[in-house]
Amino acid sequence: MIQGHIVAVLLASTMVNTAAIRIQAETQNGPTGDQAHLNALADPLKTLAHRVALQQTKQHLSDNSSGDQVMAGLAQSKTPSVTRALDNPLVDESNLPPFSFTCPMHPEIHETHNGPCPICNMNLVETRRAEAWTCPVHSIILDAKGGNCPIGGRQLIPVRLALTWTCPDHPHVSSLEPGMCPIDGGQQMVQQLGSLPHEDHTPKHGGTFFMAPDNWHHLEGTYPASDRFVLHLYDNYSQPMVVGSAKGRAVLRETYDVDTDEMFELAAQPLVASPDGTFLEANIGSDNLPREISVKIRFDPTGPEERFDFTFTETTRTPSPNPTATAPGAFPAGAAATIGTLMVNIPDRPGEIAAEVSARDAHVQNLLRDGAFTEIWIPALEAKDLALALTPHLRHLPAERQLSVRLAVKELVRAAWLLDWYGDLGNRQRVESAYAVFGQAAAAIATAYSER
């Protein structure tokens, strides 16, 4: 059993290149959908080459002592990884977390069953994920229960970690099962917990946290005063980064030109690096709430300009460094949406399931209207699970409606994952493109069951 779960160590650049070729082939040869769906898929596929190039550059820089100065002037952070002593495991080995499946190119995908990635069609890979608690700004701290960080006193936040086992004297061994070391057979393997990319999107300064399309850069926008906007940058493990050569602006007003199908800026302010280079800021002047601010930024001079849409209904405040103590195991406000797998109650009757899909669709619409993009994933993925639960009931529908519902479910599942992804990107246009497919599929399901 142990031998079957030994994870081979492969060259990262080879894996990424193979993944790129495979996605390209499967996308070209895969089934076609309606034009809105194809448009919704276009952006992630176009950014694949950029992600591959970025990953290869990062791999090269990890072996290059001057890499800190090469990668757009941005400091390279270390990936936190902790090996626990045999007598101090984080996870109870009598009650191990089950295997789950993730995508090598989209680690935010986390499924309980095997199959193709709903975004790029790559085969998912087997993994174990452990749930733990860590400090918002001191990720080396890990605890099995909640509470307060021993450094600074802020509330611990929930996080998922990659759980493997390794040999004390042979750290290159990585197994998905506990047991004896397969090399010498004389030592019990110990738990190793590694950070996963994109698992911690918790705002560090009380703002709104987005992920860049390159799947590496992250950013947090804050509105600390009525005339000030501040932007903090992070890597894919949510570790703070200096701004380096990143350049951008805060767009305050723009208009849409119907003839050219383009947005034109009417008012914008440059994002200026702070004296110590730890954040960017813009003087945006005072205005009435809510404030809508679109950031347009290049993370390096040769990279694409990316857009992130922020909506603030009030000024933001950095969490207190010494909050009221939290009882061990208790979740801070909003933490339930950060950890574990969504659980949704599935009604017994298909008509009621369809009604619940419509309710989630209405919730997504409200969040989209309010600019709460980072919250859209919850009702979107709940709708996905509800729609999939309709599959066993299709035989009770007339044949012509079976096909329409089956296609609608397929479209809704893909669009739900895109809403999850695009919501993290914070780009309103992309979120709206994914919702066009999601809303159409939800409406088709509602229509099929309202005609019964």
Foldseek 3Di string as FASTA:
>chain_A
DFVVFWDDDDDPLVVLVVLLVVLVVCVVPDDDDDPLLVVLLVVLNVCSVVLSVVVVLVSVLVPPPPSCCVPLVKGDDDWAKDWDDPVDAQDDQVDFADKWWADPVGRVDIGRDWAADLRRGHTTDIFGKDKWWADPQGRNDTHSWWKFDPPLTHTTAIFIWTKWWAFPVGRVITGRHWDAHPPPRPHTTTIMTTQDFPLDQDDQFQFHKFAASSLFKIKGWFFQDQFKIKIWIATRSRHGMFLRNKWKKKQQDWDADPVVRDIGGDDIFTFDADPVRGITMTGRDGDDPFGKIKIWMDSHPPGHTAIAIGTHRDGGGRDRSHDDIDDIRDHDPPRVVSDDDDDDDADPDLLVLLVLLVVLLVVLVVCLVRLQLQPNLRSLVNSLVSLVVCVVVLVVAPPVLSVLSVVLSSQSNSLSVSSNNVSSNRDSVSNVSSSVSNVVSSVSSNVRSVVD
